[in-house]
Amino acid sequence: MNLNFFLMDGHGIYVWSSFLLTFSVCLFLFLKTRKILKKLEKDFIEETENLSKEQFSDLKKQKIIKEILVSQSKN
């Protein structure tokens, strides 16, 4: 591969460092968001276990709750 492609006439250091920084920040935000989501889902499941059967059956009728419960059962 042509080394000039990576050097970009002397601008490569700025381009590739910017790309690396952007990728690193996006990866960090993704991992942090995923960790928070897992914690919130775990807290939600713990709260639903403390509900009465009637409250839980009413809760299961809601669409978003079904999606959360299904995603938890896959893990």
N, C-alpha and C. Protein backbone atom coordinates (compact mmCIF):
# COMPACT_ATOMS: atom_id res chain seq x y z
N MET A 1 0.85 -1.17 0.00
CA MET A 1 0.00 0.00 0.00
C MET A 1 0.90 1.24 0.00
N ASN A 2 0.44 2.26 -0.59
CA ASN A 2 1.21 3.48 -0.73
C ASN A 2 1.28 4.22 0.61
N LEU A 3 2.49 4.51 1.07
CA LEU A 3 2.70 5.21 2.34
C LEU A 3 2.19 6.64 2.27
N ASN A 4 2.16 7.20 1.09
CA ASN A 4 1.68 8.57 0.92
C ASN A 4 0.20 8.69 1.30
N PHE A 5 -0.54 7.60 1.15
CA PHE A 5 -1.95 7.61 1.54
C PHE A 5 -2.10 7.88 3.03
N PHE A 6 -1.24 7.27 3.84
CA PHE A 6 -1.31 7.45 5.28
C PHE A 6 -0.73 8.79 5.73
N LEU A 7 0.28 9.26 5.03
CA LEU A 7 0.91 10.53 5.40
C LEU A 7 0.08 11.73 4.98
N MET A 8 -0.65 11.61 3.89
CA MET A 8 -1.54 12.65 3.38
C MET A 8 -0.83 13.99 3.25
N ASP A 9 0.30 13.98 2.63
CA ASP A 9 1.09 15.20 2.40
C ASP A 9 1.36 15.97 3.68
N GLY A 10 1.67 15.25 4.76
CA GLY A 10 2.01 15.90 6.02
C GLY A 10 0.83 16.14 6.95
N HIS A 11 -0.38 15.91 6.47
CA HIS A 11 -1.57 16.14 7.29
C HIS A 11 -2.07 14.85 7.96
N GLY A 12 -1.44 13.76 7.65
CA GLY A 12 -1.88 12.45 8.15
C GLY A 12 -1.89 12.36 9.66
N ILE A 13 -0.92 12.95 10.31
CA ILE A 13 -0.85 12.87 11.77
C ILE A 13 -2.08 13.51 12.40
N TYR A 14 -2.56 14.60 11.82
CA TYR A 14 -3.75 15.27 12.36
C TYR A 14 -5.03 14.49 12.03
N VAL A 15 -5.09 13.99 10.81
CA VAL A 15 -6.28 13.25 10.38
C VAL A 15 -6.43 11.96 11.17
N TRP A 16 -5.37 11.17 11.25
CA TRP A 16 -5.46 9.88 11.92
C TRP A 16 -5.60 10.03 13.43
N SER A 17 -4.96 11.03 14.02
CA SER A 17 -5.13 11.24 15.46
C SER A 17 -6.56 11.70 15.77
N SER A 18 -7.13 12.53 14.91
CA SER A 18 -8.52 12.96 15.09
C SER A 18 -9.47 11.78 14.95
N PHE A 19 -9.20 10.94 13.96
CA PHE A 19 -10.02 9.75 13.76
C PHE A 19 -9.95 8.83 14.98
N LEU A 20 -8.75 8.62 15.49
CA LEU A 20 -8.56 7.76 16.65
C LEU A 20 -9.23 8.34 17.90
N LEU A 21 -9.11 9.64 18.09
CA LEU A 21 -9.76 10.28 19.23
C LEU A 21 -11.28 10.17 19.14
N THR A 22 -11.83 10.43 17.97
CA THR A 22 -13.28 10.34 17.78
C THR A 22 -13.77 8.92 18.01
N PHE A 23 -13.07 7.94 17.47
CA PHE A 23 -13.45 6.55 17.66
C PHE A 23 -13.39 6.16 19.13
N SER A 24 -12.34 6.62 19.83
CA SER A 24 -12.19 6.30 21.25
C SER A 24 -13.32 6.89 22.09
N VAL A 25 -13.67 8.14 21.80
CA VAL A 25 -14.75 8.79 22.55
C VAL A 25 -16.09 8.09 22.28
N CYS A 26 -16.35 7.76 21.04
CA CYS A 26 -17.60 7.05 20.71
C CYS A 26 -17.66 5.68 21.38
N LEU A 27 -16.55 4.97 21.39
CA LEU A 27 -16.51 3.66 22.04
C LEU A 27 -16.74 3.81 23.54
N PHE A 28 -16.09 4.79 24.16
CA PHE A 28 -16.29 5.03 25.59
C PHE A 28 -17.75 5.33 25.90
N LEU A 29 -18.38 6.22 25.12
CA LEU A 29 -19.78 6.57 25.36
C LEU A 29 -20.69 5.36 25.16
N PHE A 30 -20.41 4.55 24.16
CA PHE A 30 -21.20 3.35 23.93
C PHE A 30 -21.12 2.40 25.11
N LEU A 31 -19.90 2.13 25.58
CA LEU A 31 -19.72 1.20 26.69
C LEU A 31 -20.34 1.73 27.98
N LYS A 32 -20.21 3.01 28.22
CA LYS A 32 -20.80 3.62 29.42
C LYS A 32 -22.33 3.56 29.36
N THR A 33 -22.89 3.86 28.21
CA THR A 33 -24.34 3.82 28.05
C THR A 33 -24.87 2.40 28.21
N ARG A 34 -24.14 1.43 27.65
CA ARG A 34 -24.57 0.03 27.77
C ARG A 34 -24.52 -0.42 29.24
N LYS A 35 -23.51 0.00 29.97
CA LYS A 35 -23.40 -0.35 31.38
C LYS A 35 -24.56 0.25 32.19
N ILE A 36 -24.89 1.49 31.91
CA ILE A 36 -26.01 2.14 32.61
C ILE A 36 -27.32 1.45 32.27
N LEU A 37 -27.51 1.10 31.00
CA LEU A 37 -28.73 0.42 30.59
C LEU A 37 -28.88 -0.92 31.30
N LYS A 38 -27.81 -1.69 31.36
CA LYS A 38 -27.87 -2.99 32.05
C LYS A 38 -28.22 -2.81 33.53
N LYS A 39 -27.66 -1.78 34.16
CA LYS A 39 -27.95 -1.52 35.57
C LYS A 39 -29.42 -1.14 35.75
N LEU A 40 -29.94 -0.28 34.87
CA LEU A 40 -31.34 0.13 34.97
C LEU A 40 -32.28 -1.05 34.72
N GLU A 41 -31.94 -1.90 33.76
CA GLU A 41 -32.77 -3.08 33.51
C GLU A 41 -32.76 -4.01 34.71
N LYS A 42 -31.61 -4.19 35.32
CA LYS A 42 -31.51 -5.04 36.51
C LYS A 42 -32.35 -4.46 37.65
N ASP A 43 -32.25 -3.15 37.86
CA ASP A 43 -33.06 -2.49 38.89
C ASP A 43 -34.55 -2.65 38.61
N PHE A 44 -34.92 -2.53 37.35
CA PHE A 44 -36.32 -2.68 36.98
C PHE A 44 -36.82 -4.08 37.27
N ILE A 45 -36.04 -5.08 36.92
CA ILE A 45 -36.42 -6.47 37.17
C ILE A 45 -36.57 -6.72 38.67
N GLU A 46 -35.66 -6.17 39.45
CA GLU A 46 -35.75 -6.33 40.91
C GLU A 46 -37.02 -5.68 41.45
N GLU A 47 -37.39 -4.53 40.91
CA GLU A 47 -38.61 -3.86 41.35
C GLU A 47 -39.85 -4.65 40.95
N THR A 48 -39.83 -5.25 39.77
CA THR A 48 -41.01 -6.01 39.34
C THR A 48 -41.19 -7.27 40.17
N GLU A 49 -40.11 -7.81 40.70
CA GLU A 49 -40.23 -9.00 41.54
C GLU A 49 -40.92 -8.70 42.86
N ASN A 50 -40.93 -7.46 43.28
CA ASN A 50 -41.55 -7.06 44.53
C ASN A 50 -43.01 -6.66 44.37
N LEU A 51 -43.52 -6.68 43.14
CA LEU A 51 -44.91 -6.31 42.90
C LEU A 51 -45.84 -7.48 43.21
N SER A 52 -47.09 -7.15 43.49
CA SER A 52 -48.08 -8.20 43.67
C SER A 52 -48.40 -8.81 42.30
N LYS A 53 -49.06 -9.95 42.30
CA LYS A 53 -49.37 -10.63 41.03
C LYS A 53 -50.29 -9.79 40.17
N GLU A 54 -51.21 -9.09 40.77
CA GLU A 54 -52.13 -8.25 40.01
C GLU A 54 -51.39 -7.07 39.37
N GLN A 55 -50.53 -6.43 40.12
CA GLN A 55 -49.74 -5.33 39.58
C GLN A 55 -48.81 -5.81 38.47
N PHE A 56 -48.24 -6.97 38.66
CA PHE A 56 -47.33 -7.52 37.66
C PHE A 56 -48.08 -7.89 36.38
N SER A 57 -49.26 -8.43 36.49
CA SER A 57 -50.02 -8.77 35.28
C SER A 57 -50.44 -7.52 34.54
N ASP A 58 -50.77 -6.46 35.26
CA ASP A 58 -51.09 -5.19 34.60
C ASP A 58 -49.86 -4.61 33.90
N LEU A 59 -48.75 -4.77 34.54
CA LEU A 59 -47.50 -4.27 33.99
C LEU A 59 -47.11 -5.02 32.73
N LYS A 60 -47.34 -6.31 32.70
CA LYS A 60 -46.97 -7.14 31.54
C LYS A 60 -47.78 -6.78 30.30
N LYS A 61 -48.91 -6.13 30.47
CA LYS A 61 -49.75 -5.76 29.32
C LYS A 61 -49.16 -4.61 28.52
N GLN A 62 -48.27 -3.86 29.11
CA GLN A 62 -47.68 -2.71 28.42
C GLN A 62 -46.60 -3.19 27.46
N LYS A 63 -46.57 -2.59 26.29
CA LYS A 63 -45.67 -3.03 25.22
C LYS A 63 -44.19 -2.89 25.60
N ILE A 64 -43.81 -1.77 26.14
CA ILE A 64 -42.39 -1.54 26.46
C ILE A 64 -41.91 -2.51 27.53
N ILE A 65 -42.79 -2.85 28.45
CA ILE A 65 -42.43 -3.78 29.51
C ILE A 65 -42.17 -5.17 28.93
N LYS A 66 -42.98 -5.55 27.96
CA LYS A 66 -42.78 -6.85 27.31
C LYS A 66 -41.40 -6.92 26.68
N GLU A 67 -40.99 -5.83 26.04
CA GLU A 67 -39.68 -5.82 25.39
C GLU A 67 -38.56 -5.94 26.42
N ILE A 68 -38.69 -5.26 27.54
CA ILE A 68 -37.66 -5.33 28.58
C ILE A 68 -37.59 -6.73 29.16
N LEU A 69 -38.75 -7.31 29.46
CA LEU A 69 -38.76 -8.64 30.05
C LEU A 69 -38.22 -9.69 29.09
N VAL A 70 -38.51 -9.55 27.82
CA VAL A 70 -37.99 -10.50 26.83
C VAL A 70 -36.48 -10.36 26.72
N SER A 71 -35.98 -9.13 26.70
CA SER A 71 -34.54 -8.94 26.59
C SER A 71 -33.82 -9.48 27.82
N GLN A 72 -34.46 -9.42 28.99
CA GLN A 72 -33.85 -9.95 30.20
C GLN A 72 -33.84 -11.47 30.21
N SER A 73 -34.85 -12.08 29.63
CA SER A 73 -34.90 -13.54 29.62
C SER A 73 -33.86 -14.13 28.66
N LYS A 74 -33.43 -13.35 27.67
CA LYS A 74 -32.42 -13.82 26.72
C LYS A 74 -31.04 -13.85 27.37
N ASN A 75 -30.82 -13.00 28.37
CA ASN A 75 -29.48 -12.92 29.00
C ASN A 75 -29.26 -14.03 29.94
